[in-house]
Structure formats: C-alpha cells, structure tokens
Amino acid sequence: MPRGDKSAYTDKQERKADHIAESYEDKGVSTKEAERRAWATVNKDDGGGKKSGSGRGKDTGHPASHKGGKKGG
C-alpha cells in the first residue's frame, strides 16, 4: 500500500475526516492543509486506518475530539 492510500480506512473514518476538513476550511485553512490535519486527527483518534470487524477498533481512551477543556487549571 503506497503512502497516502486511504483504502484501509472505514467509511466512518472517511466521513469523519471530510467533516473535520470542512470545519478547518470554514476557518480559512487551505484545502490541502485542512485535509492533512483532518487525517492526522482521524489517525490520532482511531490509531490509523483499519477495517471494521470482530476484535478490531480498540478504544484509545483519549480522542482528540474530547481533549478540549481538560488542559490548564
């Protein structure tokens, strides 16, 4: 699988990346940078691309989407 190939990602992960990229673009980030950040976020949340199935999708316990508000005092 060549670098940048998205075939190992589930449909849900792809939808998540699209939604995140769209949000970044709304904030004025370039399309290419928004796409890069979106896939980085999906990788951080889900541990990279993987197919769904039994025994897969182990919870990392710290998704980036729930990280806000826990920093600082």
PDB file of N, CA and C in Angstrom:
ATOM      1  N   MET A   1       0.846  -1.179   0.000  1.00  0.00           N
ATOM      2  CA  MET A   1       0.000   0.000   0.000  1.00  0.00           C
ATOM      3  C   MET A   1       0.895   1.247   0.000  1.00  0.00           C
ATOM      4  N   PRO A   2       0.773   2.091  -1.042  1.00  0.00           N
ATOM      5  CA  PRO A   2       1.605   3.289  -1.106  1.00  0.00           C
ATOM      6  C   PRO A   2       1.200   4.313  -0.048  1.00  0.00           C
ATOM      7  N   ARG A   3       2.124   5.151   0.281  1.00  0.00           N
ATOM      8  CA  ARG A   3       1.858   6.196   1.267  1.00  0.00           C
ATOM      9  C   ARG A   3       0.754   7.113   0.748  1.00  0.00           C
ATOM     10  N   GLY A   4      -0.189   7.435   1.611  1.00  0.00           N
ATOM     11  CA  GLY A   4      -1.304   8.298   1.230  1.00  0.00           C
ATOM     12  C   GLY A   4      -2.519   7.532   0.743  1.00  0.00           C
ATOM     13  N   ASP A   5      -2.422   6.211   0.618  1.00  0.00           N
ATOM     14  CA  ASP A   5      -3.544   5.394   0.177  1.00  0.00           C
ATOM     15  C   ASP A   5      -4.567   5.298   1.308  1.00  0.00           C
ATOM     16  N   LYS A   6      -5.816   5.602   1.007  1.00  0.00           N
ATOM     17  CA  LYS A   6      -6.854   5.639   2.041  1.00  0.00           C
ATOM     18  C   LYS A   6      -7.754   4.409   2.020  1.00  0.00           C
ATOM     19  N   SER A   7      -7.357   3.343   1.313  1.00  0.00           N
ATOM     20  CA  SER A   7      -8.224   2.171   1.173  1.00  0.00           C
ATOM     21  C   SER A   7      -8.396   1.393   2.478  1.00  0.00           C
ATOM     22  N   ALA A   8      -7.495   1.563   3.431  1.00  0.00           N
ATOM     23  CA  ALA A   8      -7.582   0.821   4.687  1.00  0.00           C
ATOM     24  C   ALA A   8      -8.530   1.472   5.691  1.00  0.00           C
ATOM     25  N   TYR A   9      -9.059   2.631   5.365  1.00  0.00           N
ATOM     26  CA  TYR A   9      -9.942   3.340   6.285  1.00  0.00           C
ATOM     27  C   TYR A   9     -11.390   2.911   6.081  1.00  0.00           C
ATOM     28  N   THR A  10     -12.157   2.923   7.157  1.00  0.00           N
ATOM     29  CA  THR A  10     -13.581   2.598   7.074  1.00  0.00           C
ATOM     30  C   THR A  10     -14.336   3.805   6.536  1.00  0.00           C
ATOM     31  N   ASP A  11     -15.583   3.566   6.122  1.00  0.00           N
ATOM     32  CA  ASP A  11     -16.422   4.664   5.632  1.00  0.00           C
ATOM     33  C   ASP A  11     -16.628   5.708   6.722  1.00  0.00           C
ATOM     34  N   LYS A  12     -16.774   5.250   7.946  1.00  0.00           N
ATOM     35  CA  LYS A  12     -16.986   6.175   9.069  1.00  0.00           C
ATOM     36  C   LYS A  12     -15.768   7.075   9.261  1.00  0.00           C
ATOM     37  N   GLN A  13     -14.557   6.496   9.148  1.00  0.00           N
ATOM     38  CA  GLN A  13     -13.343   7.291   9.299  1.00  0.00           C
ATOM     39  C   GLN A  13     -13.235   8.317   8.169  1.00  0.00           C
ATOM     40  N   GLU A  14     -13.621   7.933   6.956  1.00  0.00           N
ATOM     41  CA  GLU A  14     -13.571   8.863   5.823  1.00  0.00           C
ATOM     42  C   GLU A  14     -14.569  10.004   6.005  1.00  0.00           C
ATOM     43  N   ARG A  15     -15.778   9.680   6.483  1.00  0.00           N
ATOM     44  CA  ARG A  15     -16.775  10.729   6.743  1.00  0.00           C
ATOM     45  C   ARG A  15     -16.277  11.682   7.826  1.00  0.00           C
ATOM     46  N   LYS A  16     -15.647  11.111   8.852  1.00  0.00           N
ATOM     47  CA  LYS A  16     -15.106  11.917   9.947  1.00  0.00           C
ATOM     48  C   LYS A  16     -14.041  12.879   9.432  1.00  0.00           C
ATOM     49  N   ALA A  17     -13.141  12.378   8.583  1.00  0.00           N
ATOM     50  CA  ALA A  17     -12.082  13.219   8.017  1.00  0.00           C
ATOM     51  C   ALA A  17     -12.668  14.323   7.140  1.00  0.00           C
ATOM     52  N   ASP A  18     -13.686  13.997   6.346  1.00  0.00           N
ATOM     53  CA  ASP A  18     -14.332  15.005   5.498  1.00  0.00           C
ATOM     54  C   ASP A  18     -14.954  16.116   6.343  1.00  0.00           C
ATOM     55  N   HIS A  19     -15.611  15.729   7.414  1.00  0.00           N
ATOM     56  CA  HIS A  19     -16.268  16.695   8.293  1.00  0.00           C
ATOM     57  C   HIS A  19     -15.233  17.600   8.970  1.00  0.00           C
ATOM     58  N   ILE A  20     -14.143  17.019   9.427  1.00  0.00           N
ATOM     59  CA  ILE A  20     -13.082  17.796  10.085  1.00  0.00           C
ATOM     60  C   ILE A  20     -12.432  18.753   9.092  1.00  0.00           C
ATOM     61  N   ALA A  21     -12.144  18.261   7.880  1.00  0.00           N
ATOM     62  CA  ALA A  21     -11.523  19.098   6.847  1.00  0.00           C
ATOM     63  C   ALA A  21     -12.432  20.274   6.490  1.00  0.00           C
ATOM     64  N   GLU A  22     -13.724  20.005   6.386  1.00  0.00           N
ATOM     65  CA  GLU A  22     -14.688  21.059   6.074  1.00  0.00           C
ATOM     66  C   GLU A  22     -14.681  22.140   7.153  1.00  0.00           C
ATOM     67  N   SER A  23     -14.576  21.711   8.395  1.00  0.00           N
ATOM     68  CA  SER A  23     -14.539  22.647   9.511  1.00  0.00           C
ATOM     69  C   SER A  23     -13.298  23.538   9.447  1.00  0.00           C
ATOM     70  N   TYR A  24     -12.151  22.930   9.137  1.00  0.00           N
ATOM     71  CA  TYR A  24     -10.919  23.717   9.008  1.00  0.00           C
ATOM     72  C   TYR A  24     -11.016  24.717   7.855  1.00  0.00           C
ATOM     73  N   GLU A  25     -11.612  24.279   6.736  1.00  0.00           N
ATOM     74  CA  GLU A  25     -11.748  25.174   5.587  1.00  0.00           C
ATOM     75  C   GLU A  25     -12.641  26.371   5.924  1.00  0.00           C
ATOM     76  N   ASP A  26     -13.666  26.135   6.728  1.00  0.00           N
ATOM     77  CA  ASP A  26     -14.544  27.224   7.163  1.00  0.00           C
ATOM     78  C   ASP A  26     -13.781  28.258   7.993  1.00  0.00           C
ATOM     79  N   LYS A  27     -12.708  27.804   8.655  1.00  0.00           N
ATOM     80  CA  LYS A  27     -11.885  28.696   9.472  1.00  0.00           C
ATOM     81  C   LYS A  27     -10.796  29.390   8.668  1.00  0.00           C
ATOM     82  N   GLY A  28     -10.726  29.106   7.351  1.00  0.00           N
ATOM     83  CA  GLY A  28      -9.769  29.796   6.493  1.00  0.00           C
ATOM     84  C   GLY A  28      -8.489  29.036   6.199  1.00  0.00           C
ATOM     85  N   VAL A  29      -8.412  27.775   6.583  1.00  0.00           N
ATOM     86  CA  VAL A  29      -7.231  26.957   6.304  1.00  0.00           C
ATOM     87  C   VAL A  29      -7.330  26.461   4.866  1.00  0.00           C
ATOM     88  N   SER A  30      -6.194  26.367   4.168  1.00  0.00           N
ATOM     89  CA  SER A  30      -6.199  25.912   2.781  1.00  0.00           C
ATOM     90  C   SER A  30      -6.717  24.473   2.699  1.00  0.00           C
ATOM     91  N   THR A  31      -7.225  24.112   1.531  1.00  0.00           N
ATOM     92  CA  THR A  31      -7.817  22.790   1.345  1.00  0.00           C
ATOM     93  C   THR A  31      -6.816  21.675   1.618  1.00  0.00           C
ATOM     94  N   LYS A  32      -5.608  21.822   1.106  1.00  0.00           N
ATOM     95  CA  LYS A  32      -4.577  20.794   1.281  1.00  0.00           C
ATOM     96  C   LYS A  32      -4.187  20.637   2.758  1.00  0.00           C
ATOM     97  N   GLU A  33      -4.011  21.753   3.437  1.00  0.00           N
ATOM     98  CA  GLU A  33      -3.652  21.724   4.861  1.00  0.00           C
ATOM     99  C   GLU A  33      -4.807  21.178   5.699  1.00  0.00           C
ATOM    100  N   ALA A  34      -6.039  21.550   5.348  1.00  0.00           N
ATOM    101  CA  ALA A  34      -7.213  21.059   6.066  1.00  0.00           C
ATOM    102  C   ALA A  34      -7.314  19.532   5.941  1.00  0.00           C
ATOM    103  N   GLU A  35      -7.048  19.021   4.741  1.00  0.00           N
ATOM    104  CA  GLU A  35      -7.080  17.577   4.506  1.00  0.00           C
ATOM    105  C   GLU A  35      -6.006  16.865   5.339  1.00  0.00           C
ATOM    106  N   ARG A  36      -4.821  17.442   5.380  1.00  0.00           N
ATOM    107  CA  ARG A  36      -3.714  16.855   6.145  1.00  0.00           C
ATOM    108  C   ARG A  36      -4.055  16.806   7.625  1.00  0.00           C
ATOM    109  N   ARG A  37      -4.553  17.923   8.145  1.00  0.00           N
ATOM    110  CA  ARG A  37      -4.910  17.981   9.568  1.00  0.00           C
ATOM    111  C   ARG A  37      -6.041  17.019   9.903  1.00  0.00           C
ATOM    112  N   ALA A  38      -7.009  16.904   8.998  1.00  0.00           N
ATOM    113  CA  ALA A  38      -8.154  16.026   9.233  1.00  0.00           C
ATOM    114  C   ALA A  38      -7.716  14.571   9.355  1.00  0.00           C
ATOM    115  N   TRP A  39      -6.865  14.108   8.440  1.00  0.00           N
ATOM    116  CA  TRP A  39      -6.415  12.717   8.500  1.00  0.00           C
ATOM    117  C   TRP A  39      -5.505  12.487   9.702  1.00  0.00           C
ATOM    118  N   ALA A  40      -4.743  13.498  10.095  1.00  0.00           N
ATOM    119  CA  ALA A  40      -3.910  13.372  11.296  1.00  0.00           C
ATOM    120  C   ALA A  40      -4.792  13.200  12.529  1.00  0.00           C
ATOM    121  N   THR A  41      -5.899  13.912  12.565  1.00  0.00           N
ATOM    122  CA  THR A  41      -6.829  13.810  13.682  1.00  0.00           C
ATOM    123  C   THR A  41      -7.492  12.437  13.718  1.00  0.00           C
ATOM    124  N   VAL A  42      -7.910  11.942  12.544  1.00  0.00           N
ATOM    125  CA  VAL A  42      -8.521  10.606  12.475  1.00  0.00           C
ATOM    126  C   VAL A  42      -7.519   9.555  12.939  1.00  0.00           C
ATOM    127  N   ASN A  43      -6.267   9.682  12.509  1.00  0.00           N
ATOM    128  CA  ASN A  43      -5.235   8.727  12.919  1.00  0.00           C
ATOM    129  C   ASN A  43      -5.008   8.775  14.428  1.00  0.00           C
ATOM    130  N   LYS A  44      -5.028   9.985  14.992  1.00  0.00           N
ATOM    131  CA  LYS A  44      -4.821  10.123  16.435  1.00  0.00           C
ATOM    132  C   LYS A  44      -5.984   9.509  17.208  1.00  0.00           C
ATOM    133  N   ASP A  45      -7.198   9.758  16.740  1.00  0.00           N
ATOM    134  CA  ASP A  45      -8.388   9.249  17.418  1.00  0.00           C
ATOM    135  C   ASP A  45      -8.504   7.735  17.327  1.00  0.00           C
ATOM    136  N   ASP A  46      -8.288   7.203  16.133  1.00  0.00           N
ATOM    137  CA  ASP A  46      -8.609   5.804  15.863  1.00  0.00           C
ATOM    138  C   ASP A  46      -7.384   4.905  15.733  1.00  0.00           C
ATOM    139  N   GLY A  47      -6.201   5.445  15.864  1.00  0.00           N
ATOM    140  CA  GLY A  47      -5.000   4.622  15.758  1.00  0.00           C
ATOM    141  C   GLY A  47      -4.668   4.223  14.340  1.00  0.00           C
ATOM    142  N   GLY A  48      -5.040   5.012  13.369  1.00  0.00           N
ATOM    143  CA  GLY A  48      -4.728   4.716  11.974  1.00  0.00           C
ATOM    144  C   GLY A  48      -5.869   4.036  11.263  1.00  0.00           C
ATOM    145  N   GLY A  49      -5.635   3.729   9.993  1.00  0.00           N
ATOM    146  CA  GLY A  49      -6.657   3.095   9.183  1.00  0.00           C
ATOM    147  C   GLY A  49      -6.798   1.630   9.519  1.00  0.00           C
ATOM    148  N   LYS A  50      -8.029   1.169   9.549  1.00  0.00           N
ATOM    149  CA  LYS A  50      -8.275  -0.253   9.802  1.00  0.00           C
ATOM    150  C   LYS A  50      -9.664  -0.598   9.326  1.00  0.00           C
ATOM    151  N   LYS A  51      -9.867  -1.842   9.081  1.00  0.00           N
ATOM    152  CA  LYS A  51     -11.179  -2.322   8.690  1.00  0.00           C
ATOM    153  C   LYS A  51     -11.965  -2.679   9.944  1.00  0.00           C
ATOM    154  N   SER A  52     -13.271  -2.511   9.857  1.00  0.00           N
ATOM    155  CA  SER A  52     -14.110  -2.858  10.995  1.00  0.00           C
ATOM    156  C   SER A  52     -14.243  -4.375  11.071  1.00  0.00           C
ATOM    157  N   GLY A  53     -14.547  -4.888  12.233  1.00  0.00           N
ATOM    158  CA  GLY A  53     -14.741  -6.322  12.406  1.00  0.00           C
ATOM    159  C   GLY A  53     -14.512  -6.734  13.839  1.00  0.00           C
ATOM    160  N   SER A  54     -14.699  -7.998  14.103  1.00  0.00           N
ATOM    161  CA  SER A  54     -14.572  -8.522  15.452  1.00  0.00           C
ATOM    162  C   SER A  54     -13.145  -8.366  15.975  1.00  0.00           C
ATOM    163  N   GLY A  55     -13.030  -7.819  17.172  1.00  0.00           N
ATOM    164  CA  GLY A  55     -11.725  -7.661  17.798  1.00  0.00           C
ATOM    165  C   GLY A  55     -10.937  -6.473  17.305  1.00  0.00           C
ATOM    166  N   ARG A  56     -11.534  -5.683  16.443  1.00  0.00           N
ATOM    167  CA  ARG A  56     -10.835  -4.513  15.909  1.00  0.00           C
ATOM    168  C   ARG A  56     -11.390  -3.245  16.547  1.00  0.00           C
ATOM    169  N   GLY A  57     -10.720  -2.159  16.303  1.00  0.00           N
ATOM    170  CA  GLY A  57     -11.224  -0.885  16.783  1.00  0.00           C
ATOM    171  C   GLY A  57     -11.046  -0.691  18.264  1.00  0.00           C
ATOM    172  N   LYS A  58      -9.910  -1.091  18.791  1.00  0.00           N
ATOM    173  CA  LYS A  58      -9.642  -0.932  20.215  1.00  0.00           C
ATOM    174  C   LYS A  58      -9.675   0.549  20.595  1.00  0.00           C
ATOM    175  N   ASP A  59     -10.356   0.874  21.676  1.00  0.00           N
ATOM    176  CA  ASP A  59     -10.500   2.243  22.140  1.00  0.00           C
ATOM    177  C   ASP A  59      -9.171   2.770  22.674  1.00  0.00           C
ATOM    178  N   THR A  60      -8.768   3.960  22.201  1.00  0.00           N
ATOM    179  CA  THR A  60      -7.523   4.557  22.677  1.00  0.00           C
ATOM    180  C   THR A  60      -7.726   5.268  24.007  1.00  0.00           C
ATOM    181  N   GLY A  61      -8.967   5.680  24.293  1.00  0.00           N
ATOM    182  CA  GLY A  61      -9.269   6.307  25.562  1.00  0.00           C
ATOM    183  C   GLY A  61      -9.028   7.798  25.619  1.00  0.00           C
ATOM    184  N   HIS A  62      -8.453   8.373  24.567  1.00  0.00           N
ATOM    185  CA  HIS A  62      -8.201   9.815  24.588  1.00  0.00           C
ATOM    186  C   HIS A  62      -8.354  10.425  23.188  1.00  0.00           C
ATOM    187  N   PRO A  63      -9.569  10.413  22.631  1.00  0.00           N
ATOM    188  CA  PRO A  63      -9.752  11.012  21.313  1.00  0.00           C
ATOM    189  C   PRO A  63      -9.537  12.525  21.344  1.00  0.00           C
ATOM    190  N   ALA A  64      -9.025  13.056  20.266  1.00  0.00           N
ATOM    191  CA  ALA A  64      -8.748  14.485  20.181  1.00  0.00           C
ATOM    192  C   ALA A  64     -10.031  15.304  20.328  1.00  0.00           C
ATOM    193  N   SER A  65     -11.154  14.729  19.913  1.00  0.00           N
ATOM    194  CA  SER A  65     -12.417  15.454  19.984  1.00  0.00           C
ATOM    195  C   SER A  65     -12.913  15.670  21.407  1.00  0.00           C
ATOM    196  N   HIS A  66     -12.370  14.937  22.368  1.00  0.00           N
ATOM    197  CA  HIS A  66     -12.767  15.105  23.770  1.00  0.00           C
ATOM    198  C   HIS A  66     -11.684  15.742  24.622  1.00  0.00           C
ATOM    199  N   LYS A  67     -10.638  16.199  23.973  1.00  0.00           N
ATOM    200  CA  LYS A  67      -9.497  16.713  24.710  1.00  0.00           C
ATOM    201  C   LYS A  67      -9.708  18.147  25.215  1.00  0.00           C
ATOM    202  N   GLY A  68     -10.543  18.922  24.535  1.00  0.00           N
ATOM    203  CA  GLY A  68     -10.728  20.302  24.895  1.00  0.00           C
ATOM    204  C   GLY A  68     -11.288  20.472  26.291  1.00  0.00           C
ATOM    205  N   GLY A  69     -10.817  21.476  27.012  1.00  0.00           N
ATOM    206  CA  GLY A  69     -11.334  21.768  28.341  1.00  0.00           C
ATOM    207  C   GLY A  69     -10.614  21.041  29.449  1.00  0.00           C
ATOM    208  N   LYS A  70      -9.796  20.073  29.095  1.00  0.00           N
ATOM    209  CA  LYS A  70      -9.080  19.317  30.123  1.00  0.00           C
ATOM    210  C   LYS A  70      -7.679  19.867  30.363  1.00  0.00           C
ATOM    211  N   LYS A  71      -7.293  20.813  29.539  1.00  0.00           N
ATOM    212  CA  LYS A  71      -5.971  21.415  29.716  1.00  0.00           C
ATOM    213  C   LYS A  71      -6.076  22.573  30.702  1.00  0.00           C
ATOM    214  N   GLY A  72      -4.986  22.900  31.293  1.00  0.00           N
ATOM    215  CA  GLY A  72      -4.931  24.068  32.169  1.00  0.00           C
ATOM    216  C   GLY A  72      -5.494  23.793  33.555  1.00  0.00           C
ATOM    217  N   GLY A  73      -5.590  24.839  34.347  1.00  0.00           N
ATOM    218  CA  GLY A  73      -6.027  24.707  35.725  1.00  0.00           C
ATOM    219  C   GLY A  73      -7.486  24.640  35.873  1.00  0.00           C
TER     220      GLY A  73
END
